[in-house]
Amino acid sequence: MTGVLLRFASTAVLVIPAVSAAQEFRLRVPLGLDERALVIPADNPLTQEKIDLGKQLFFDRRWSKTKTVSCASCHQPQRGWSDDRRVSVDHDGKPTRRHAPTIINRAFGTIEGWAGHRESSEDLLAKLPFTSAKAIEANLGSVPGYQSQFQRVFGTGVTADGVAKAIAAFQRTLLSGNSAYDRHRAGHADALSARARRGLALFEGKAACAKCHSGFNFSDQGFHNTGIGTGGENPDLGRYEVTKRRVNKSAFKTPTLRDVALRGPYMHDGSLATLKEVVAFYARGGIANPAISPDMSRLDLSASEQDDLVAFLESLTGEIAPETAQLPVLPP
């Protein structure tokens, strides 16, 4: 799939050819993000109709087993597209093992989930605790509005594969950039406060946060053991459950730090309530265990320096196209 890249001041626009001129979709990439790193699968090109369908499905509860939860139940727009609960819940309202990660800027990655148990955004329905292919097709297949939309977008009736592709297409529009940090990098020296600038210096230097939270999206897309969740009789084994490699025991994916101030509680188990607690945790060197990442070590950070790091993390709150969070009209 090829496209034409257009630039307008601080915004880059990737024009993705669609089925017809009327369906042509322009993905707007905010300041600070790298459009060259976008991952748009050839078998799931972006079109406006597909994105609109995906947004409806994202907010629709009817395709869960009990018709009580939707993607937005755990990936809440007002919470940085994450969850305000310590751990997310399933379709019966029972707690799951993990806190729902943010889904912003997933257009720049492939492997999904804290443990990387999904190969792509299109694989997002695999192993979800609140639905199944059978439930999807049974619950949505009788909705006339969805029947007609699926025919227009995919040329088929309602299918679980189509639901996954449509939601993945919508999810790729959730791009957050143009933060105070990005404006500072673009040459606006006064975009960051003095405290945030000190925090940036610590982030890239003494605190060594950038070892894992690297690149324009502040994530190396890797898996690391920080010690969180390693205690108790049944520790969460994280990436090990996928790879069966000892080096991956209790290793979890490095999340993007963009919009991080909006989405507490933190870590894969939601055990740290605030950014101040997160910074203090890393300053202590995490929790010792046999598989802890070699990048984890105790940091000599004063209370003031820790506050500076929090100020920098807060400066990573960006802007997402406001229409993405507006509730869609669902088909009857």
C-alpha atoms as a PDB file:
ATOM      1  CA  MET A   1       0.000   0.000   0.000  1.00  0.00           C
ATOM      2  CA  THR A   2       1.548   3.324  -1.007  1.00  0.00           C
ATOM      3  CA  GLY A   3       0.601   6.879  -0.214  1.00  0.00           C
ATOM      4  CA  VAL A   4       1.556  10.475  -0.881  1.00  0.00           C
ATOM      5  CA  LEU A   5       3.039  12.468   1.972  1.00  0.00           C
ATOM      6  CA  LEU A   6       2.012  16.103   2.265  1.00  0.00           C
ATOM      7  CA  ARG A   7       3.380  18.564   4.833  1.00  0.00           C
ATOM      8  CA  PHE A   8       1.613  21.557   6.308  1.00  0.00           C
ATOM      9  CA  ALA A   9       3.623  23.471   8.949  1.00  0.00           C
ATOM     10  CA  SER A  10       3.545  21.276  12.067  1.00  0.00           C
ATOM     11  CA  THR A  11       1.263  18.638  10.591  1.00  0.00           C
ATOM     12  CA  ALA A  12       2.066  15.836   8.181  1.00  0.00           C
ATOM     13  CA  VAL A  13      -0.692  14.204   6.171  1.00  0.00           C
ATOM     14  CA  LEU A  14      -0.402  10.729   4.739  1.00  0.00           C
ATOM     15  CA  VAL A  15      -2.846  10.315   1.874  1.00  0.00           C
ATOM     16  CA  ILE A  16      -3.868   6.678   1.636  1.00  0.00           C
ATOM     17  CA  PRO A  17      -5.504   5.732  -1.676  1.00  0.00           C
ATOM     18  CA  ALA A  18      -8.920   4.185  -1.039  1.00  0.00           C
ATOM     19  CA  VAL A  19     -11.491   2.366  -3.113  1.00  0.00           C
ATOM     20  CA  SER A  20     -12.809   5.606  -4.564  1.00  0.00           C
ATOM     21  CA  ALA A  21     -12.047   9.331  -4.396  1.00  0.00           C
ATOM     22  CA  ALA A  22     -15.014   9.781  -2.071  1.00  0.00           C
ATOM     23  CA  GLN A  23     -13.403   7.393   0.422  1.00  0.00           C
ATOM     24  CA  GLU A  24      -9.922   8.904   0.356  1.00  0.00           C
ATOM     25  CA  PHE A  25      -8.702   9.280   3.931  1.00  0.00           C
ATOM     26  CA  ARG A  26      -6.041  11.640   5.206  1.00  0.00           C
ATOM     27  CA  LEU A  27      -4.350  10.529   8.395  1.00  0.00           C
ATOM     28  CA  ARG A  28      -3.168  13.653  10.190  1.00  0.00           C
ATOM     29  CA  VAL A  29       0.054  13.114  12.124  1.00  0.00           C
ATOM     30  CA  PRO A  30       0.583  15.724  14.876  1.00  0.00           C
ATOM     31  CA  LEU A  31       3.815  17.554  15.597  1.00  0.00           C
ATOM     32  CA  GLY A  32       6.391  15.313  17.253  1.00  0.00           C
ATOM     33  CA  LEU A  33       5.336  12.014  15.674  1.00  0.00           C
ATOM     34  CA  ASP A  34       7.181  10.391  12.775  1.00  0.00           C
ATOM     35  CA  GLU A  35       4.874   9.639   9.848  1.00  0.00           C
ATOM     36  CA  ARG A  36       7.567   7.398   8.328  1.00  0.00           C
ATOM     37  CA  ALA A  37       7.006   4.919  11.161  1.00  0.00           C
ATOM     38  CA  LEU A  38       3.271   4.438  10.506  1.00  0.00           C
ATOM     39  CA  VAL A  39       2.210   0.805  10.160  1.00  0.00           C
ATOM     40  CA  ILE A  40      -0.815   0.473   7.840  1.00  0.00           C
ATOM     41  CA  PRO A  41      -1.314  -3.170   6.781  1.00  0.00           C
ATOM     42  CA  ALA A  42      -1.770  -3.697   3.051  1.00  0.00           C
ATOM     43  CA  ASP A  43      -4.772  -5.927   3.707  1.00  0.00           C
ATOM     44  CA  ASN A  44      -6.502  -3.308   5.873  1.00  0.00           C
ATOM     45  CA  PRO A  45      -6.158   0.097   4.169  1.00  0.00           C
ATOM     46  CA  LEU A  46      -7.725   3.103   5.839  1.00  0.00           C
ATOM     47  CA  THR A  47     -10.978   4.480   4.474  1.00  0.00           C
ATOM     48  CA  GLN A  48     -13.365   6.926   6.096  1.00  0.00           C
ATOM     49  CA  GLU A  49     -16.281   4.482   6.014  1.00  0.00           C
ATOM     50  CA  LYS A  50     -14.212   1.759   7.678  1.00  0.00           C
ATOM     51  CA  ILE A  51     -13.009   4.142  10.383  1.00  0.00           C
ATOM     52  CA  ASP A  52     -16.565   5.356  11.025  1.00  0.00           C
ATOM     53  CA  LEU A  53     -17.724   1.747  11.348  1.00  0.00           C
ATOM     54  CA  GLY A  54     -14.831   0.954  13.671  1.00  0.00           C
ATOM     55  CA  LYS A  55     -15.690   3.880  15.901  1.00  0.00           C
ATOM     56  CA  GLN A  56     -19.285   2.718  16.235  1.00  0.00           C
ATOM     57  CA  LEU A  57     -18.105  -0.767  17.143  1.00  0.00           C
ATOM     58  CA  PHE A  58     -15.554   0.619  19.609  1.00  0.00           C
ATOM     59  CA  PHE A  59     -18.305   2.299  21.627  1.00  0.00           C
ATOM     60  CA  ASP A  60     -21.020  -0.351  21.086  1.00  0.00           C
ATOM     61  CA  ARG A  61     -21.690  -2.767  23.958  1.00  0.00           C
ATOM     62  CA  ARG A  62     -23.810  -5.132  21.910  1.00  0.00           C
ATOM     63  CA  TRP A  63     -21.013  -7.297  20.580  1.00  0.00           C
ATOM     64  CA  SER A  64     -19.790  -8.422  24.025  1.00  0.00           C
ATOM     65  CA  LYS A  65     -21.079 -11.749  25.321  1.00  0.00           C
ATOM     66  CA  THR A  66     -23.464 -10.087  27.778  1.00  0.00           C
ATOM     67  CA  LYS A  67     -23.954  -6.859  25.774  1.00  0.00           C
ATOM     68  CA  THR A  68     -22.687  -4.907  28.794  1.00  0.00           C
ATOM     69  CA  VAL A  69     -19.133  -3.777  27.896  1.00  0.00           C
ATOM     70  CA  SER A  70     -17.398  -2.227  24.911  1.00  0.00           C
ATOM     71  CA  CYS A  71     -13.813  -1.338  24.038  1.00  0.00           C
ATOM     72  CA  ALA A  72     -14.479   2.103  25.523  1.00  0.00           C
ATOM     73  CA  SER A  73     -15.432   0.549  28.857  1.00  0.00           C
ATOM     74  CA  CYS A  74     -11.733  -0.057  29.554  1.00  0.00           C
ATOM     75  CA  HIS A  75     -10.108   2.265  27.010  1.00  0.00           C
ATOM     76  CA  GLN A  76     -11.793   5.454  28.193  1.00  0.00           C
ATOM     77  CA  PRO A  77     -11.124   8.592  26.098  1.00  0.00           C
ATOM     78  CA  GLN A  78     -11.200  10.863  29.138  1.00  0.00           C
ATOM     79  CA  ARG A  79      -8.560   8.693  30.844  1.00  0.00           C
ATOM     80  CA  GLY A  80      -5.975   8.769  28.088  1.00  0.00           C
ATOM     81  CA  TRP A  81      -7.748   5.857  26.347  1.00  0.00           C
ATOM     82  CA  SER A  82      -6.949   3.671  29.329  1.00  0.00           C
ATOM     83  CA  ASP A  83      -8.822   2.598  32.483  1.00  0.00           C
ATOM     84  CA  ASP A  84      -9.402   4.482  35.722  1.00  0.00           C
ATOM     85  CA  ARG A  85      -9.667   1.226  37.678  1.00  0.00           C
ATOM     86  CA  ARG A  86      -6.685  -0.627  39.102  1.00  0.00           C
ATOM     87  CA  VAL A  87      -7.459  -3.611  36.888  1.00  0.00           C
ATOM     88  CA  SER A  88     -10.035  -3.883  34.145  1.00  0.00           C
ATOM     89  CA  VAL A  89     -13.092  -6.122  34.343  1.00  0.00           C
ATOM     90  CA  ASP A  90     -14.611  -8.773  32.089  1.00  0.00           C
ATOM     91  CA  HIS A  91     -18.151  -8.987  30.700  1.00  0.00           C
ATOM     92  CA  ASP A  92     -19.430 -10.312  34.048  1.00  0.00           C
ATOM     93  CA  GLY A  93     -17.875  -7.404  35.930  1.00  0.00           C
ATOM     94  CA  LYS A  94     -15.177  -9.620  37.441  1.00  0.00           C
ATOM     95  CA  PRO A  95     -11.625  -8.274  37.759  1.00  0.00           C
ATOM     96  CA  THR A  96      -9.066  -9.366  35.192  1.00  0.00           C
ATOM     97  CA  ARG A  97      -5.353  -9.704  35.944  1.00  0.00           C
ATOM     98  CA  ARG A  98      -4.231  -6.463  34.350  1.00  0.00           C
ATOM     99  CA  HIS A  99      -4.887  -2.786  33.876  1.00  0.00           C
ATOM    100  CA  ALA A 100      -5.925  -1.883  30.326  1.00  0.00           C
ATOM    101  CA  PRO A 101      -3.009  -0.188  28.525  1.00  0.00           C
ATOM    102  CA  THR A 102      -3.503   2.946  26.491  1.00  0.00           C
ATOM    103  CA  ILE A 103      -4.189   2.506  22.777  1.00  0.00           C
ATOM    104  CA  ILE A 104      -2.934   5.900  21.591  1.00  0.00           C
ATOM    105  CA  ASN A 105      -0.292   5.938  18.855  1.00  0.00           C
ATOM    106  CA  ARG A 106      -0.702   2.240  18.138  1.00  0.00           C
ATOM    107  CA  ALA A 107      -0.461   3.144  14.447  1.00  0.00           C
ATOM    108  CA  PHE A 108       3.291   3.029  15.090  1.00  0.00           C
ATOM    109  CA  GLY A 109       3.438  -0.545  16.375  1.00  0.00           C
ATOM    110  CA  THR A 110       2.358  -4.105  15.800  1.00  0.00           C
ATOM    111  CA  ILE A 111       2.620  -6.464  18.780  1.00  0.00           C
ATOM    112  CA  GLU A 112      -0.167  -5.621  21.221  1.00  0.00           C
ATOM    113  CA  GLY A 113      -0.895  -6.064  24.913  1.00  0.00           C
ATOM    114  CA  TRP A 114       1.215  -5.972  28.057  1.00  0.00           C
ATOM    115  CA  ALA A 115       2.643  -9.416  27.282  1.00  0.00           C
ATOM    116  CA  GLY A 116       2.556  -9.093  23.494  1.00  0.00           C
ATOM    117  CA  HIS A 117       0.039 -11.906  23.118  1.00  0.00           C
ATOM    118  CA  ARG A 118      -1.541 -10.314  20.027  1.00  0.00           C
ATOM    119  CA  GLU A 119       0.455 -10.014  16.817  1.00  0.00           C
ATOM    120  CA  SER A 120      -1.290  -6.884  15.540  1.00  0.00           C
ATOM    121  CA  SER A 121      -4.188  -4.527  16.109  1.00  0.00           C
ATOM    122  CA  GLU A 122      -6.224  -6.717  13.758  1.00  0.00           C
ATOM    123  CA  ASP A 123      -5.674  -9.551  16.243  1.00  0.00           C
ATOM    124  CA  LEU A 124      -7.312  -7.493  18.974  1.00  0.00           C
ATOM    125  CA  LEU A 125     -10.254  -9.875  19.448  1.00  0.00           C
ATOM    126  CA  ALA A 126      -8.041 -12.846  20.320  1.00  0.00           C
ATOM    127  CA  LYS A 127      -8.238 -13.851  23.989  1.00  0.00           C
ATOM    128  CA  LEU A 128     -10.401 -10.900  25.002  1.00  0.00           C
ATOM    129  CA  PRO A 129     -12.304 -11.706  28.196  1.00  0.00           C
ATOM    130  CA  PHE A 130     -15.603 -10.248  27.078  1.00  0.00           C
ATOM    131  CA  THR A 131     -16.388 -11.586  23.615  1.00  0.00           C
ATOM    132  CA  SER A 132     -15.913 -14.303  21.008  1.00  0.00           C
ATOM    133  CA  ALA A 133     -16.370 -14.642  17.262  1.00  0.00           C
ATOM    134  CA  LYS A 134     -19.640 -16.458  17.901  1.00  0.00           C
ATOM    135  CA  ALA A 135     -20.954 -13.690  20.167  1.00  0.00           C
ATOM    136  CA  ILE A 136     -19.924 -10.983  17.724  1.00  0.00           C
ATOM    137  CA  GLU A 137     -21.650 -12.512  14.733  1.00  0.00           C
ATOM    138  CA  ALA A 138     -24.750 -13.492  16.700  1.00  0.00           C
ATOM    139  CA  ASN A 139     -25.168 -10.155  18.490  1.00  0.00           C
ATOM    140  CA  LEU A 140     -24.407  -7.846  15.560  1.00  0.00           C
ATOM    141  CA  GLY A 141     -25.522  -9.965  12.634  1.00  0.00           C
ATOM    142  CA  SER A 142     -29.159  -9.077  13.206  1.00  0.00           C
ATOM    143  CA  VAL A 143     -28.566  -5.298  13.287  1.00  0.00           C
ATOM    144  CA  PRO A 144     -29.688  -3.904   9.901  1.00  0.00           C
ATOM    145  CA  GLY A 145     -27.419  -0.846  10.164  1.00  0.00           C
ATOM    146  CA  TYR A 146     -24.350  -3.012  10.603  1.00  0.00           C
ATOM    147  CA  GLN A 147     -25.432  -5.390   7.843  1.00  0.00           C
ATOM    148  CA  SER A 148     -25.534  -2.554   5.319  1.00  0.00           C
ATOM    149  CA  GLN A 149     -22.280  -0.983   6.532  1.00  0.00           C
ATOM    150  CA  PHE A 150     -20.379  -4.274   6.354  1.00  0.00           C
ATOM    151  CA  GLN A 151     -21.611  -4.766   2.800  1.00  0.00           C
ATOM    152  CA  ARG A 152     -20.332  -1.307   1.831  1.00  0.00           C
ATOM    153  CA  VAL A 153     -16.983  -1.599   3.603  1.00  0.00           C
ATOM    154  CA  PHE A 154     -16.117  -5.281   3.207  1.00  0.00           C
ATOM    155  CA  GLY A 155     -18.644  -6.671   0.736  1.00  0.00           C
ATOM    156  CA  THR A 156     -19.734  -9.259   3.317  1.00  0.00           C
ATOM    157  CA  GLY A 157     -22.148  -9.732   6.141  1.00  0.00           C
ATOM    158  CA  VAL A 158     -21.093  -9.064   9.732  1.00  0.00           C
ATOM    159  CA  THR A 159     -17.958 -11.059  10.564  1.00  0.00           C
ATOM    160  CA  ALA A 160     -15.577 -11.119  13.507  1.00  0.00           C
ATOM    161  CA  ASP A 161     -12.693 -10.478  11.109  1.00  0.00           C
ATOM    162  CA  GLY A 162     -14.429  -7.386   9.754  1.00  0.00           C
ATOM    163  CA  VAL A 163     -15.123  -6.113  13.270  1.00  0.00           C
ATOM    164  CA  ALA A 164     -11.435  -6.486  14.147  1.00  0.00           C
ATOM    165  CA  LYS A 165     -10.277  -4.694  10.993  1.00  0.00           C
ATOM    166  CA  ALA A 166     -12.722  -1.822  11.432  1.00  0.00           C
ATOM    167  CA  ILE A 167     -11.796  -1.263  15.095  1.00  0.00           C
ATOM    168  CA  ALA A 168      -8.090  -1.450  14.220  1.00  0.00           C
ATOM    169  CA  ALA A 169      -8.629   1.200  11.537  1.00  0.00           C
ATOM    170  CA  PHE A 170     -10.353   3.525  14.016  1.00  0.00           C
ATOM    171  CA  GLN A 171      -7.675   2.879  16.631  1.00  0.00           C
ATOM    172  CA  ARG A 172      -4.982   4.048  14.198  1.00  0.00           C
ATOM    173  CA  THR A 173      -6.562   7.504  14.149  1.00  0.00           C
ATOM    174  CA  LEU A 174      -5.848   7.962  17.886  1.00  0.00           C
ATOM    175  CA  LEU A 175      -2.643   9.937  17.439  1.00  0.00           C
ATOM    176  CA  SER A 176      -1.386  12.145  20.266  1.00  0.00           C
ATOM    177  CA  GLY A 177       1.294  14.766  19.668  1.00  0.00           C
ATOM    178  CA  ASN A 178       1.872  18.529  19.674  1.00  0.00           C
ATOM    179  CA  SER A 179       2.615  18.441  23.407  1.00  0.00           C
ATOM    180  CA  ALA A 180       4.555  21.116  25.239  1.00  0.00           C
ATOM    181  CA  TYR A 181       7.606  18.884  24.845  1.00  0.00           C
ATOM    182  CA  ASP A 182       7.085  18.678  21.067  1.00  0.00           C
ATOM    183  CA  ARG A 183       6.748  22.445  20.784  1.00  0.00           C
ATOM    184  CA  HIS A 184       9.928  22.827  22.840  1.00  0.00           C
ATOM    185  CA  ARG A 185      11.733  20.461  20.468  1.00  0.00           C
ATOM    186  CA  ALA A 186      10.386  22.453  17.520  1.00  0.00           C
ATOM    187  CA  GLY A 187      12.138  25.573  18.781  1.00  0.00           C
ATOM    188  CA  HIS A 188       9.657  27.175  21.164  1.00  0.00           C
ATOM    189  CA  ALA A 189      11.993  27.442  24.136  1.00  0.00           C
ATOM    190  CA  ASP A 190       9.302  28.738  26.489  1.00  0.00           C
ATOM    191  CA  ALA A 191       6.959  25.773  25.825  1.00  0.00           C
ATOM    192  CA  LEU A 192       8.478  23.905  28.792  1.00  0.00           C
ATOM    193  CA  SER A 193       8.665  25.220  32.337  1.00  0.00           C
ATOM    194  CA  ALA A 194      12.060  25.404  34.019  1.00  0.00           C
ATOM    195  CA  ARG A 195      11.104  22.401  36.149  1.00  0.00           C
ATOM    196  CA  ALA A 196      10.091  20.357  33.095  1.00  0.00           C
ATOM    197  CA  ARG A 197      13.353  21.270  31.346  1.00  0.00           C
ATOM    198  CA  ARG A 198      15.295  19.999  34.355  1.00  0.00           C
ATOM    199  CA  GLY A 199      13.166  16.866  34.257  1.00  0.00           C
ATOM    200  CA  LEU A 200      13.965  16.363  30.563  1.00  0.00           C
ATOM    201  CA  ALA A 201      17.699  16.563  31.343  1.00  0.00           C
ATOM    202  CA  LEU A 202      17.248  13.941  34.073  1.00  0.00           C
ATOM    203  CA  PHE A 203      15.100  11.748  31.818  1.00  0.00           C
ATOM    204  CA  GLU A 204      17.786  11.650  29.148  1.00  0.00           C
ATOM    205  CA  GLY A 205      20.722  11.599  31.553  1.00  0.00           C
ATOM    206  CA  LYS A 206      21.034  10.756  35.225  1.00  0.00           C
ATOM    207  CA  ALA A 207      17.703   8.912  35.550  1.00  0.00           C
ATOM    208  CA  ALA A 208      18.332   6.963  32.306  1.00  0.00           C
ATOM    209  CA  CYS A 209      14.596   6.698  31.558  1.00  0.00           C
ATOM    210  CA  ALA A 210      15.319   6.985  27.832  1.00  0.00           C
ATOM    211  CA  LYS A 211      17.020   3.571  27.821  1.00  0.00           C
ATOM    212  CA  CYS A 212      13.579   1.987  27.521  1.00  0.00           C
ATOM    213  CA  HIS A 213      11.274   4.961  26.936  1.00  0.00           C
ATOM    214  CA  SER A 214      13.067   5.887  23.728  1.00  0.00           C
ATOM    215  CA  GLY A 215      12.230   7.463  20.397  1.00  0.00           C
ATOM    216  CA  PHE A 216       9.494   9.893  19.441  1.00  0.00           C
ATOM    217  CA  ASN A 217       6.842   7.669  21.039  1.00  0.00           C
ATOM    218  CA  PHE A 218       8.851   7.122  24.239  1.00  0.00           C
ATOM    219  CA  SER A 219       8.847   3.325  23.992  1.00  0.00           C
ATOM    220  CA  ASP A 220      11.388   0.795  22.766  1.00  0.00           C
ATOM    221  CA  GLN A 221       8.475  -1.627  22.169  1.00  0.00           C
ATOM    222  CA  GLY A 222      10.428  -4.119  24.268  1.00  0.00           C
ATOM    223  CA  PHE A 223       9.562  -6.188  27.332  1.00  0.00           C
ATOM    224  CA  HIS A 224      11.217  -5.632  30.711  1.00  0.00           C
ATOM    225  CA  ASN A 225      10.971  -6.999  34.238  1.00  0.00           C
ATOM    226  CA  THR A 226      10.855  -4.181  36.795  1.00  0.00           C
ATOM    227  CA  GLY A 227       9.788  -6.415  39.668  1.00  0.00           C
ATOM    228  CA  ILE A 228       6.151  -5.321  39.648  1.00  0.00           C
ATOM    229  CA  GLY A 229       3.882  -8.303  40.279  1.00  0.00           C
ATOM    230  CA  THR A 230       6.692 -10.767  41.062  1.00  0.00           C
ATOM    231  CA  GLY A 231       5.703 -11.374  44.674  1.00  0.00           C
ATOM    232  CA  GLY A 232       3.090 -13.790  46.006  1.00  0.00           C
ATOM    233  CA  GLU A 233       2.312 -17.398  45.205  1.00  0.00           C
ATOM    234  CA  ASN A 234       1.069 -16.810  41.656  1.00  0.00           C
ATOM    235  CA  PRO A 235       3.098 -14.024  40.064  1.00  0.00           C
ATOM    236  CA  ASP A 236       2.053 -12.724  36.655  1.00  0.00           C
ATOM    237  CA  LEU A 237       4.640 -14.188  34.262  1.00  0.00           C
ATOM    238  CA  GLY A 238       3.950 -11.651  31.517  1.00  0.00           C
ATOM    239  CA  ARG A 239       5.857 -12.178  28.277  1.00  0.00           C
ATOM    240  CA  TYR A 240       7.010 -15.621  29.437  1.00  0.00           C
ATOM    241  CA  GLU A 241       3.470 -16.904  28.907  1.00  0.00           C
ATOM    242  CA  VAL A 242       3.921 -16.173  25.193  1.00  0.00           C
ATOM    243  CA  THR A 243       7.577 -17.069  24.583  1.00  0.00           C
ATOM    244  CA  LYS A 244       8.270 -19.646  27.355  1.00  0.00           C
ATOM    245  CA  ARG A 245      11.744 -18.106  27.628  1.00  0.00           C
ATOM    246  CA  ARG A 246      13.107 -17.658  31.157  1.00  0.00           C
ATOM    247  CA  VAL A 247      14.524 -14.250  30.240  1.00  0.00           C
ATOM    248  CA  ASN A 248      10.939 -13.048  29.715  1.00  0.00           C
ATOM    249  CA  LYS A 249       9.614 -14.021  33.142  1.00  0.00           C
ATOM    250  CA  SER A 250       7.406 -11.223  34.481  1.00  0.00           C
ATOM    251  CA  ALA A 251       8.527  -8.954  31.640  1.00  0.00           C
ATOM    252  CA  PHE A 252       5.981  -6.481  30.338  1.00  0.00           C
ATOM    253  CA  LYS A 253       5.859  -4.131  27.400  1.00  0.00           C
ATOM    254  CA  THR A 254       7.262  -0.625  27.689  1.00  0.00           C
ATOM    255  CA  PRO A 255       4.241   1.678  27.316  1.00  0.00           C
ATOM    256  CA  THR A 256       4.389   5.000  25.524  1.00  0.00           C
ATOM    257  CA  LEU A 257       4.733   7.920  27.913  1.00  0.00           C
ATOM    258  CA  ARG A 258       2.663  10.224  25.743  1.00  0.00           C
ATOM    259  CA  ASP A 259      -0.433  11.375  27.641  1.00  0.00           C
ATOM    260  CA  VAL A 260       0.844   9.430  30.647  1.00  0.00           C
ATOM    261  CA  ALA A 261      -0.398  12.080  33.091  1.00  0.00           C
ATOM    262  CA  LEU A 262      -3.984  11.346  32.023  1.00  0.00           C
ATOM    263  CA  ARG A 263      -4.076   7.636  32.646  1.00  0.00           C
ATOM    264  CA  GLY A 264      -3.308   6.536  36.185  1.00  0.00           C
ATOM    265  CA  PRO A 265      -3.218   4.105  37.878  1.00  0.00           C
ATOM    266  CA  TYR A 266       0.036   2.809  36.447  1.00  0.00           C
ATOM    267  CA  MET A 267       1.946  -0.382  35.623  1.00  0.00           C
ATOM    268  CA  HIS A 268       0.417  -3.558  34.215  1.00  0.00           C
ATOM    269  CA  ASP A 269      -1.318  -4.319  37.507  1.00  0.00           C
ATOM    270  CA  GLY A 270      -2.385  -0.752  38.298  1.00  0.00           C
ATOM    271  CA  SER A 271      -0.481  -0.931  41.580  1.00  0.00           C
ATOM    272  CA  LEU A 272       0.980   2.597  41.474  1.00  0.00           C
ATOM    273  CA  ALA A 273      -1.626   5.327  41.769  1.00  0.00           C
ATOM    274  CA  THR A 274       0.299   8.441  40.732  1.00  0.00           C
ATOM    275  CA  LEU A 275       3.240   9.517  38.593  1.00  0.00           C
ATOM    276  CA  LYS A 276       4.995  10.568  41.797  1.00  0.00           C
ATOM    277  CA  GLU A 277       4.758   6.956  42.994  1.00  0.00           C
ATOM    278  CA  VAL A 278       6.010   5.674  39.640  1.00  0.00           C
ATOM    279  CA  VAL A 279       9.081   7.912  39.698  1.00  0.00           C
ATOM    280  CA  ALA A 280       9.795   6.951  43.319  1.00  0.00           C
ATOM    281  CA  PHE A 281       9.501   3.256  42.385  1.00  0.00           C
ATOM    282  CA  TYR A 282      12.112   3.589  39.650  1.00  0.00           C
ATOM    283  CA  ALA A 283      14.330   5.701  41.904  1.00  0.00           C
ATOM    284  CA  ARG A 284      14.385   2.751  44.335  1.00  0.00           C
ATOM    285  CA  GLY A 285      15.509   0.456  41.516  1.00  0.00           C
ATOM    286  CA  GLY A 286      12.282  -1.506  41.251  1.00  0.00           C
ATOM    287  CA  ILE A 287      11.712  -4.773  43.128  1.00  0.00           C
ATOM    288  CA  ALA A 288      14.573  -7.257  43.247  1.00  0.00           C
ATOM    289  CA  ASN A 289      13.878 -10.663  41.704  1.00  0.00           C
ATOM    290  CA  PRO A 290      15.931 -13.256  39.755  1.00  0.00           C
ATOM    291  CA  ALA A 291      14.793 -11.998  36.329  1.00  0.00           C
ATOM    292  CA  ILE A 292      14.877  -8.228  36.926  1.00  0.00           C
ATOM    293  CA  SER A 293      16.012  -6.186  33.920  1.00  0.00           C
ATOM    294  CA  PRO A 294      19.697  -5.184  33.917  1.00  0.00           C
ATOM    295  CA  ASP A 295      18.504  -1.646  33.138  1.00  0.00           C
ATOM    296  CA  MET A 296      16.969  -1.401  36.602  1.00  0.00           C
ATOM    297  CA  SER A 297      19.194   0.097  39.286  1.00  0.00           C
ATOM    298  CA  ARG A 298      18.822   2.370  42.271  1.00  0.00           C
ATOM    299  CA  LEU A 299      18.970   6.051  41.309  1.00  0.00           C
ATOM    300  CA  ASP A 300      20.372   8.826  43.453  1.00  0.00           C
ATOM    301  CA  LEU A 301      17.488  11.224  42.897  1.00  0.00           C
ATOM    302  CA  SER A 302      16.511  13.881  45.399  1.00  0.00           C
ATOM    303  CA  ALA A 303      12.869  14.650  46.142  1.00  0.00           C
ATOM    304  CA  SER A 304      13.198  17.810  44.046  1.00  0.00           C
ATOM    305  CA  GLU A 305      14.650  15.885  41.100  1.00  0.00           C
ATOM    306  CA  GLN A 306      11.808  13.394  41.280  1.00  0.00           C
ATOM    307  CA  ASP A 307       9.342  16.280  41.150  1.00  0.00           C
ATOM    308  CA  ASP A 308      11.187  17.624  38.097  1.00  0.00           C
ATOM    309  CA  LEU A 309      10.761  14.261  36.354  1.00  0.00           C
ATOM    310  CA  VAL A 310       7.041  14.307  37.077  1.00  0.00           C
ATOM    311  CA  ALA A 311       6.830  17.811  35.586  1.00  0.00           C
ATOM    312  CA  PHE A 312       8.520  16.568  32.428  1.00  0.00           C
ATOM    313  CA  LEU A 313       6.159  13.588  32.163  1.00  0.00           C
ATOM    314  CA  GLU A 314       3.226  15.966  32.493  1.00  0.00           C
ATOM    315  CA  SER A 315       4.623  17.958  29.561  1.00  0.00           C
ATOM    316  CA  LEU A 316       4.037  14.921  27.321  1.00  0.00           C
ATOM    317  CA  THR A 317       0.270  15.441  27.407  1.00  0.00           C
ATOM    318  CA  GLY A 318      -0.596  16.097  23.775  1.00  0.00           C
ATOM    319  CA  GLU A 319      -3.544  16.702  21.514  1.00  0.00           C
ATOM    320  CA  ILE A 320      -5.771  14.120  19.852  1.00  0.00           C
ATOM    321  CA  ALA A 321      -8.309  15.093  17.213  1.00  0.00           C
ATOM    322  CA  PRO A 322     -11.338  15.958  19.394  1.00  0.00           C
ATOM    323  CA  GLU A 323     -13.812  14.204  17.117  1.00  0.00           C
ATOM    324  CA  THR A 324     -12.287  10.810  17.964  1.00  0.00           C
ATOM    325  CA  ALA A 325     -13.763  10.961  21.475  1.00  0.00           C
ATOM    326  CA  GLN A 326     -17.216  12.159  20.421  1.00  0.00           C
ATOM    327  CA  LEU A 327     -19.780   9.415  20.911  1.00  0.00           C
ATOM    328  CA  PRO A 328     -21.022   8.058  17.594  1.00  0.00           C
ATOM    329  CA  VAL A 329     -24.645   7.397  16.677  1.00  0.00           C
ATOM    330  CA  LEU A 330     -25.063   3.643  16.859  1.00  0.00           C
ATOM    331  CA  PRO A 331     -27.186   1.809  14.296  1.00  0.00           C
ATOM    332  CA  PRO A 332     -30.528   0.481  15.599  1.00  0.00           C
END
